[in-house]
């Protein structure tokens, strides 16, 4: 027999091996589920952060390409204007 002290009433009581195993299983299951939910939430936050970072990187790359194309277009227009002026 195992003796357990109730955390609420601070009284000791006896439980047999089967009852003790059942209580232990409940505690383990609750703790496991709690840790699992915390881990899932953390992974979701990490995933969201990665998505935001990837979106920002993609946005920056597109801006660089657009800036390069704008510069190329301006150069071609200036060259065309120079050719027309001749």
PDB file of N, CA and C in Angstrom:
ATOM      1  N   UNK A   1       0.839  -1.180   0.000  1.00  0.00           N
ATOM      2  CA  UNK A   1       0.000   0.000   0.000  1.00  0.00           C
ATOM      3  C   UNK A   1       0.889   1.251   0.000  1.00  0.00           C
ATOM      4  N   UNK A   2       0.448   2.222  -0.738  1.00  0.00           N
ATOM      5  CA  UNK A   2       1.158   3.491  -0.805  1.00  0.00           C
ATOM      6  C   UNK A   2       0.367   4.546  -0.049  1.00  0.00           C
ATOM      7  N   UNK A   3       1.094   5.432   0.563  1.00  0.00           N
ATOM      8  CA  UNK A   3       0.457   6.518   1.298  1.00  0.00           C
ATOM      9  C   UNK A   3       0.608   7.799   0.489  1.00  0.00           C
ATOM     10  N   UNK A   4      -0.502   8.476   0.297  1.00  0.00           N
ATOM     11  CA  UNK A   4      -0.510   9.734  -0.456  1.00  0.00           C
ATOM     12  C   UNK A   4      -1.058  10.815   0.454  1.00  0.00           C
ATOM     13  N   UNK A   5      -0.457  11.996   0.370  1.00  0.00           N
ATOM     14  CA  UNK A   5      -0.936  13.139   1.143  1.00  0.00           C
ATOM     15  C   UNK A   5      -1.711  14.042   0.196  1.00  0.00           C
ATOM     16  N   UNK A   6      -2.954  14.297   0.557  1.00  0.00           N
ATOM     17  CA  UNK A   6      -3.813  15.155  -0.254  1.00  0.00           C
ATOM     18  C   UNK A   6      -3.272  16.585  -0.197  1.00  0.00           C
ATOM     19  N   UNK A   7      -2.981  17.184  -1.372  1.00  0.00           N
ATOM     20  CA  UNK A   7      -2.438  18.546  -1.370  1.00  0.00           C
ATOM     21  C   UNK A   7      -3.453  19.587  -0.898  1.00  0.00           C
ATOM     22  N   UNK A   8      -4.727  19.288  -1.024  1.00  0.00           N
ATOM     23  CA  UNK A   8      -5.763  20.248  -0.637  1.00  0.00           C
ATOM     24  C   UNK A   8      -6.064  20.171   0.863  1.00  0.00           C
ATOM     25  N   UNK A   9      -6.284  18.952   1.352  1.00  0.00           N
ATOM     26  CA  UNK A   9      -6.664  18.784   2.756  1.00  0.00           C
ATOM     27  C   UNK A   9      -5.475  18.477   3.661  1.00  0.00           C
ATOM     28  N   UNK A  10      -4.323  18.206   3.099  1.00  0.00           N
ATOM     29  CA  UNK A  10      -3.092  17.901   3.849  1.00  0.00           C
ATOM     30  C   UNK A  10      -3.264  16.664   4.740  1.00  0.00           C
ATOM     31  N   UNK A  11      -4.066  15.718   4.299  1.00  0.00           N
ATOM     32  CA  UNK A  11      -4.276  14.486   5.059  1.00  0.00           C
ATOM     33  C   UNK A  11      -3.734  13.321   4.249  1.00  0.00           C
ATOM     34  N   UNK A  12      -3.171  12.360   4.962  1.00  0.00           N
ATOM     35  CA  UNK A  12      -2.628  11.170   4.318  1.00  0.00           C
ATOM     36  C   UNK A  12      -3.721  10.120   4.184  1.00  0.00           C
ATOM     37  N   UNK A  13      -3.658   9.375   3.082  1.00  0.00           N
ATOM     38  CA  UNK A  13      -4.571   8.246   2.917  1.00  0.00           C
ATOM     39  C   UNK A  13      -3.844   7.136   2.176  1.00  0.00           C
ATOM     40  N   UNK A  14      -4.334   5.938   2.334  1.00  0.00           N
ATOM     41  CA  UNK A  14      -3.707   4.757   1.754  1.00  0.00           C
ATOM     42  C   UNK A  14      -4.405   4.387   0.443  1.00  0.00           C
ATOM     43  N   UNK A  15      -3.617   3.997  -0.537  1.00  0.00           N
ATOM     44  CA  UNK A  15      -4.166   3.465  -1.782  1.00  0.00           C
ATOM     45  C   UNK A  15      -3.425   2.185  -2.124  1.00  0.00           C
ATOM     46  N   UNK A  16      -4.141   1.248  -2.735  1.00  0.00           N
ATOM     47  CA  UNK A  16      -3.485   0.005  -3.134  1.00  0.00           C
ATOM     48  C   UNK A  16      -2.682   0.255  -4.407  1.00  0.00           C
ATOM     49  N   UNK A  17      -1.974  -0.746  -4.862  1.00  0.00           N
ATOM     50  CA  UNK A  17      -1.096  -0.601  -6.030  1.00  0.00           C
ATOM     51  C   UNK A  17      -1.885  -0.200  -7.277  1.00  0.00           C
ATOM     52  N   UNK A  18      -3.051  -0.789  -7.476  1.00  0.00           N
ATOM     53  CA  UNK A  18      -3.858  -0.472  -8.659  1.00  0.00           C
ATOM     54  C   UNK A  18      -4.339   0.979  -8.608  1.00  0.00           C
ATOM     55  N   UNK A  19      -4.797   1.423  -7.450  1.00  0.00           N
ATOM     56  CA  UNK A  19      -5.238   2.808  -7.297  1.00  0.00           C
ATOM     57  C   UNK A  19      -4.091   3.784  -7.479  1.00  0.00           C
ATOM     58  N   UNK A  20      -2.937   3.428  -6.925  1.00  0.00           N
ATOM     59  CA  UNK A  20      -1.754   4.273  -7.062  1.00  0.00           C
ATOM     60  C   UNK A  20      -1.343   4.371  -8.530  1.00  0.00           C
ATOM     61  N   UNK A  21      -1.349   3.231  -9.229  1.00  0.00           N
ATOM     62  CA  UNK A  21      -0.991   3.222 -10.649  1.00  0.00           C
ATOM     63  C   UNK A  21      -1.970   4.067 -11.453  1.00  0.00           C
ATOM     64  N   UNK A  22      -3.254   4.001 -11.100  1.00  0.00           N
ATOM     65  CA  UNK A  22      -4.266   4.793 -11.792  1.00  0.00           C
ATOM     66  C   UNK A  22      -4.040   6.288 -11.576  1.00  0.00           C
ATOM     67  N   UNK A  23      -3.774   6.679 -10.343  1.00  0.00           N
ATOM     68  CA  UNK A  23      -3.512   8.095 -10.032  1.00  0.00           C
ATOM     69  C   UNK A  23      -2.256   8.565 -10.756  1.00  0.00           C
ATOM     70  N   UNK A  24      -1.215   7.747 -10.713  1.00  0.00           N
ATOM     71  CA  UNK A  24       0.040   8.087 -11.379  1.00  0.00           C
ATOM     72  C   UNK A  24      -0.175   8.246 -12.883  1.00  0.00           C
ATOM     73  N   UNK A  25      -0.970   7.365 -13.466  1.00  0.00           N
ATOM     74  CA  UNK A  25      -1.269   7.436 -14.894  1.00  0.00           C
ATOM     75  C   UNK A  25      -2.010   8.728 -15.230  1.00  0.00           C
ATOM     76  N   UNK A  26      -2.956   9.112 -14.383  1.00  0.00           N
ATOM     77  CA  UNK A  26      -3.707  10.349 -14.614  1.00  0.00           C
ATOM     78  C   UNK A  26      -2.791  11.563 -14.563  1.00  0.00           C
ATOM     79  N   UNK A  27      -1.902  11.574 -13.591  1.00  0.00           N
ATOM     80  CA  UNK A  27      -0.973  12.702 -13.454  1.00  0.00           C
ATOM     81  C   UNK A  27      -0.054  12.765 -14.664  1.00  0.00           C
ATOM     82  N   UNK A  28       0.497  11.617 -15.058  1.00  0.00           N
ATOM     83  CA  UNK A  28       1.382  11.581 -16.225  1.00  0.00           C
ATOM     84  C   UNK A  28       0.649  12.039 -17.480  1.00  0.00           C
ATOM     85  N   UNK A  29      -0.577  11.543 -17.658  1.00  0.00           N
ATOM     86  CA  UNK A  29      -1.352  11.907 -18.842  1.00  0.00           C
ATOM     87  C   UNK A  29      -1.623  13.403 -18.866  1.00  0.00           C
ATOM     88  N   UNK A  30      -2.012  13.974 -17.745  1.00  0.00           N
ATOM     89  CA  UNK A  30      -2.278  15.413 -17.671  1.00  0.00           C
ATOM     90  C   UNK A  30      -1.017  16.218 -17.966  1.00  0.00           C
ATOM     91  N   UNK A  31       0.087  15.809 -17.357  1.00  0.00           N
ATOM     92  CA  UNK A  31       1.350  16.520 -17.581  1.00  0.00           C
ATOM     93  C   UNK A  31       1.775  16.403 -19.043  1.00  0.00           C
ATOM     94  N   UNK A  32       1.645  15.206 -19.602  1.00  0.00           N
ATOM     95  CA  UNK A  32       2.020  14.995 -20.995  1.00  0.00           C
ATOM     96  C   UNK A  32       1.183  15.872 -21.914  1.00  0.00           C
ATOM     97  N   UNK A  33      -0.133  15.886 -21.693  1.00  0.00           N
ATOM     98  CA  UNK A  33      -1.013  16.707 -22.525  1.00  0.00           C
ATOM     99  C   UNK A  33      -0.692  18.187 -22.380  1.00  0.00           C
ATOM    100  N   UNK A  34      -0.395  18.611 -21.175  1.00  0.00           N
ATOM    101  CA  UNK A  34      -0.044  20.010 -20.942  1.00  0.00           C
ATOM    102  C   UNK A  34       1.233  20.370 -21.695  1.00  0.00           C
ATOM    103  N   UNK A  35       2.253  19.525 -21.571  1.00  0.00           N
ATOM    104  CA  UNK A  35       3.514  19.779 -22.270  1.00  0.00           C
ATOM    105  C   UNK A  35       3.318  19.724 -23.779  1.00  0.00           C
ATOM    106  N   UNK A  36       2.485  18.795 -24.225  1.00  0.00           N
ATOM    107  CA  UNK A  36       2.217  18.670 -25.652  1.00  0.00           C
ATOM    108  C   UNK A  36       1.549  19.932 -26.194  1.00  0.00           C
ATOM    109  N   UNK A  37       0.560  20.445 -25.485  1.00  0.00           N
ATOM    110  CA  UNK A  37      -0.123  21.671 -25.925  1.00  0.00           C
ATOM    111  C   UNK A  37       0.827  22.868 -25.919  1.00  0.00           C
ATOM    112  N   UNK A  38       1.693  22.948 -24.921  1.00  0.00           N
ATOM    113  CA  UNK A  38       2.677  24.039 -24.880  1.00  0.00           C
ATOM    114  C   UNK A  38       3.620  23.947 -26.069  1.00  0.00           C
ATOM    115  N   UNK A  39       4.061  22.737 -26.366  1.00  0.00           N
ATOM    116  CA  UNK A  39       4.988  22.525 -27.480  1.00  0.00           C
ATOM    117  C   UNK A  39       4.313  22.868 -28.815  1.00  0.00           C
ATOM    118  N   UNK A  40       3.062  22.454 -28.968  1.00  0.00           N
ATOM    119  CA  UNK A  40       2.324  22.764 -30.199  1.00  0.00           C
ATOM    120  C   UNK A  40       2.179  24.272 -30.363  1.00  0.00           C
ATOM    121  N   UNK A  41       1.854  24.963 -29.291  1.00  0.00           N
ATOM    122  CA  UNK A  41       1.707  26.423 -29.351  1.00  0.00           C
ATOM    123  C   UNK A  41       3.034  27.083 -29.715  1.00  0.00           C
ATOM    124  N   UNK A  42       4.123  26.593 -29.127  1.00  0.00           N
ATOM    125  CA  UNK A  42       5.440  27.150 -29.426  1.00  0.00           C
ATOM    126  C   UNK A  42       5.795  26.924 -30.896  1.00  0.00           C
ATOM    127  N   UNK A  43       5.523  25.719 -31.408  1.00  0.00           N
ATOM    128  CA  UNK A  43       5.819  25.427 -32.807  1.00  0.00           C
ATOM    129  C   UNK A  43       4.963  26.272 -33.745  1.00  0.00           C
ATOM    130  N   UNK A  44       3.723  26.520 -33.378  1.00  0.00           N
ATOM    131  CA  UNK A  44       2.858  27.389 -34.187  1.00  0.00           C
ATOM    132  C   UNK A  44       3.421  28.811 -34.241  1.00  0.00           C
ATOM    133  N   UNK A  45       3.883  29.306 -33.078  1.00  0.00           N
ATOM    134  CA  UNK A  45       4.480  30.653 -33.056  1.00  0.00           C
ATOM    135  C   UNK A  45       5.737  30.693 -33.916  1.00  0.00           C
ATOM    136  N   UNK A  46       6.574  29.661 -33.817  1.00  0.00           N
ATOM    137  CA  UNK A  46       7.787  29.611 -34.630  1.00  0.00           C
ATOM    138  C   UNK A  46       7.439  29.579 -36.115  1.00  0.00           C
ATOM    139  N   UNK A  47       6.419  28.809 -36.461  1.00  0.00           N
ATOM    140  CA  UNK A  47       5.995  28.715 -37.857  1.00  0.00           C
ATOM    141  C   UNK A  47       5.521  30.071 -38.363  1.00  0.00           C
ATOM    142  N   UNK A  48       4.723  30.761 -37.565  1.00  0.00           N
ATOM    143  CA  UNK A  48       4.239  32.083 -37.960  1.00  0.00           C
ATOM    144  C   UNK A  48       5.399  33.058 -38.141  1.00  0.00           C
ATOM    145  N   UNK A  49       6.376  32.993 -37.243  1.00  0.00           N
ATOM    146  CA  UNK A  49       7.542  33.872 -37.359  1.00  0.00           C
ATOM    147  C   UNK A  49       8.330  33.565 -38.623  1.00  0.00           C
ATOM    148  N   UNK A  50       8.486  32.276 -38.950  1.00  0.00           N
ATOM    149  CA  UNK A  50       9.199  31.888 -40.162  1.00  0.00           C
ATOM    150  C   UNK A  50       8.453  32.366 -41.407  1.00  0.00           C
ATOM    151  N   UNK A  51       7.144  32.250 -41.392  1.00  0.00           N
ATOM    152  CA  UNK A  51       6.339  32.707 -42.534  1.00  0.00           C
ATOM    153  C   UNK A  51       6.502  34.213 -42.712  1.00  0.00           C
ATOM    154  N   UNK A  52       6.429  34.958 -41.620  1.00  0.00           N
ATOM    155  CA  UNK A  52       6.589  36.417 -41.701  1.00  0.00           C
ATOM    156  C   UNK A  52       7.974  36.785 -42.219  1.00  0.00           C
ATOM    157  N   UNK A  53       8.996  36.088 -41.730  1.00  0.00           N
ATOM    158  CA  UNK A  53      10.363  36.358 -42.170  1.00  0.00           C
ATOM    159  C   UNK A  53      10.520  36.061 -43.658  1.00  0.00           C
ATOM    160  N   UNK A  54       9.965  34.942 -44.105  1.00  0.00           N
ATOM    161  CA  UNK A  54      10.043  34.579 -45.518  1.00  0.00           C
ATOM    162  C   UNK A  54       9.300  35.589 -46.381  1.00  0.00           C
ATOM    163  N   UNK A  55       8.146  36.030 -45.932  1.00  0.00           N
ATOM    164  CA  UNK A  55       7.394  37.044 -46.678  1.00  0.00           C
ATOM    165  C   UNK A  55       8.197  38.331 -46.789  1.00  0.00           C
ATOM    166  N   UNK A  56       8.820  38.738 -45.698  1.00  0.00           N
ATOM    167  CA  UNK A  56       9.615  39.974 -45.699  1.00  0.00           C
ATOM    168  C   UNK A  56      10.815  39.846 -46.636  1.00  0.00           C
ATOM    169  N   UNK A  57      11.483  38.696 -46.607  1.00  0.00           N
ATOM    170  CA  UNK A  57      12.628  38.483 -47.507  1.00  0.00           C
ATOM    171  C   UNK A  57      12.178  38.532 -48.963  1.00  0.00           C
ATOM    172  N   UNK A  58      11.056  37.898 -49.253  1.00  0.00           N
ATOM    173  CA  UNK A  58      10.534  37.891 -50.620  1.00  0.00           C
ATOM    174  C   UNK A  58      10.173  39.303 -51.057  1.00  0.00           C
ATOM    175  N   UNK A  59       9.533  40.054 -50.174  1.00  0.00           N
ATOM    176  CA  UNK A  59       9.174  41.440 -50.478  1.00  0.00           C
ATOM    177  C   UNK A  59      10.431  42.259 -50.790  1.00  0.00           C
ATOM    178  N   UNK A  60      11.479  42.084 -49.986  1.00  0.00           N
ATOM    179  CA  UNK A  60      12.726  42.819 -50.209  1.00  0.00           C
ATOM    180  C   UNK A  60      13.369  42.440 -51.539  1.00  0.00           C
ATOM    181  N   UNK A  61      13.347  41.142 -51.866  1.00  0.00           N
ATOM    182  CA  UNK A  61      13.926  40.704 -53.136  1.00  0.00           C
ATOM    183  C   UNK A  61      13.159  41.288 -54.318  1.00  0.00           C
ATOM    184  N   UNK A  62      11.845  41.305 -54.220  1.00  0.00           N
ATOM    185  CA  UNK A  62      11.025  41.878 -55.292  1.00  0.00           C
ATOM    186  C   UNK A  62      11.318  43.371 -55.431  1.00  0.00           C
ATOM    187  N   UNK A  63      11.467  44.071 -54.315  1.00  0.00           N
ATOM    188  CA  UNK A  63      11.785  45.502 -54.361  1.00  0.00           C
ATOM    189  C   UNK A  63      13.132  45.740 -55.042  1.00  0.00           C
ATOM    190  N   UNK A  64      14.117  44.879 -54.751  1.00  0.00           N
ATOM    191  CA  UNK A  64      15.433  45.023 -55.389  1.00  0.00           C
ATOM    192  C   UNK A  64      15.322  44.822 -56.895  1.00  0.00           C
ATOM    193  N   UNK A  65      14.586  43.798 -57.304  1.00  0.00           N
ATOM    194  CA  UNK A  65      14.417  43.530 -58.733  1.00  0.00           C
ATOM    195  C   UNK A  65      13.701  44.697 -59.399  1.00  0.00           C
ATOM    196  N   UNK A  66      12.647  45.203 -58.768  1.00  0.00           N
ATOM    197  CA  UNK A  66      11.918  46.341 -59.335  1.00  0.00           C
ATOM    198  C   UNK A  66      12.802  47.578 -59.439  1.00  0.00           C
ATOM    199  N   UNK A  67      13.610  47.823 -58.426  1.00  0.00           N
ATOM    200  CA  UNK A  67      14.508  48.983 -58.465  1.00  0.00           C
ATOM    201  C   UNK A  67      15.511  48.831 -59.608  1.00  0.00           C
ATOM    202  N   UNK A  68      16.023  47.623 -59.802  1.00  0.00           N
ATOM    203  CA  UNK A  68      16.954  47.375 -60.907  1.00  0.00           C
ATOM    204  C   UNK A  68      16.283  47.578 -62.254  1.00  0.00           C
ATOM    205  N   UNK A  69      15.060  47.100 -62.382  1.00  0.00           N
ATOM    206  CA  UNK A  69      14.319  47.260 -63.641  1.00  0.00           C
ATOM    207  C   UNK A  69      13.987  48.732 -63.889  1.00  0.00           C
ATOM    208  N   UNK A  70      13.641  49.453 -62.835  1.00  0.00           N
ATOM    209  CA  UNK A  70      13.372  50.888 -62.984  1.00  0.00           C
ATOM    210  C   UNK A  70      14.621  51.623 -63.456  1.00  0.00           C
ATOM    211  N   UNK A  71      15.762  51.271 -62.883  1.00  0.00           N
ATOM    212  CA  UNK A  71      17.019  51.911 -63.284  1.00  0.00           C
ATOM    213  C   UNK A  71      17.351  51.561 -64.733  1.00  0.00           C
ATOM    214  N   UNK A  72      17.136  50.310 -65.105  1.00  0.00           N
ATOM    215  CA  UNK A  72      17.399  49.882 -66.479  1.00  0.00           C
ATOM    216  C   UNK A  72      16.474  50.610 -67.453  1.00  0.00           C
ATOM    217  N   UNK A  73      15.218  50.746 -67.089  1.00  0.00           N
ATOM    218  CA  UNK A  73      14.249  51.449 -67.928  1.00  0.00           C
ATOM    219  C   UNK A  73      14.637  52.921 -68.082  1.00  0.00           C
ATOM    220  N   UNK A  74      15.027  53.543 -66.981  1.00  0.00           N
ATOM    221  CA  UNK A  74      15.440  54.952 -67.040  1.00  0.00           C
ATOM    222  C   UNK A  74      16.667  55.107 -67.931  1.00  0.00           C
ATOM    223  N   UNK A  75      17.592  54.170 -67.836  1.00  0.00           N
ATOM    224  CA  UNK A  75      18.798  54.223 -68.663  1.00  0.00           C
ATOM    225  C   UNK A  75      18.444  54.069 -70.138  1.00  0.00           C
ATOM    226  N   UNK A  76      17.562  53.135 -70.445  1.00  0.00           N
ATOM    227  CA  UNK A  76      17.157  52.930 -71.838  1.00  0.00           C
ATOM    228  C   UNK A  76      16.400  54.140 -72.375  1.00  0.00           C
ATOM    229  N   UNK A  77      15.563  54.733 -71.543  1.00  0.00           N
ATOM    230  CA  UNK A  77      14.829  55.925 -71.981  1.00  0.00           C
ATOM    231  C   UNK A  77      15.790  57.084 -72.230  1.00  0.00           C
ATOM    232  N   UNK A  78      16.783  57.241 -71.364  1.00  0.00           N
ATOM    233  CA  UNK A  78      17.767  58.313 -71.552  1.00  0.00           C
ATOM    234  C   UNK A  78      18.574  58.062 -72.818  1.00  0.00           C
ATOM    235  N   UNK A  79      18.922  56.814 -73.054  1.00  0.00           N
ATOM    236  CA  UNK A  79      19.677  56.467 -74.258  1.00  0.00           C
ATOM    237  C   UNK A  79      18.831  56.734 -75.502  1.00  0.00           C
ATOM    238  N   UNK A  80      17.582  56.392 -75.443  1.00  0.00           N
ATOM    239  CA  UNK A  80      16.672  56.624 -76.570  1.00  0.00           C
ATOM    240  C   UNK A  80      16.522  58.120 -76.832  1.00  0.00           C
ATOM    241  N   UNK A  81      16.372  58.898 -75.752  1.00  0.00           N
ATOM    242  CA  UNK A  81      16.248  60.348 -75.905  1.00  0.00           C
ATOM    243  C   UNK A  81      17.519  60.931 -76.526  1.00  0.00           C
ATOM    244  N   UNK A  82      18.666  60.394 -76.117  1.00  0.00           N
ATOM    245  CA  UNK A  82      19.935  60.883 -76.674  1.00  0.00           C
ATOM    246  C   UNK A  82      20.028  60.537 -78.152  1.00  0.00           C
ATOM    247  N   UNK A  83      19.579  59.317 -78.509  1.00  0.00           N
ATOM    248  CA  UNK A  83      19.609  58.920 -79.919  1.00  0.00           C
ATOM    249  C   UNK A  83      18.649  59.775 -80.751  1.00  0.00           C
ATOM    250  N   UNK A  84      17.494  60.109 -80.197  1.00  0.00           N
ATOM    251  CA  UNK A  84      16.530  60.936 -80.918  1.00  0.00           C
ATOM    252  C   UNK A  84      17.024  62.375 -81.064  1.00  0.00           C
ATOM    253  N   UNK A  85      17.796  62.835 -80.103  1.00  0.00           N
ATOM    254  CA  UNK A  85      18.300  64.210 -80.137  1.00  0.00           C
ATOM    255  C   UNK A  85      19.372  64.376 -81.206  1.00  0.00           C
ATOM    256  N   UNK A  86      20.006  63.305 -81.637  1.00  0.00           N
ATOM    257  CA  UNK A  86      21.074  63.410 -82.641  1.00  0.00           C
ATOM    258  C   UNK A  86      20.564  63.669 -84.002  1.00  0.00           C
TER     259      UNK A  86
END
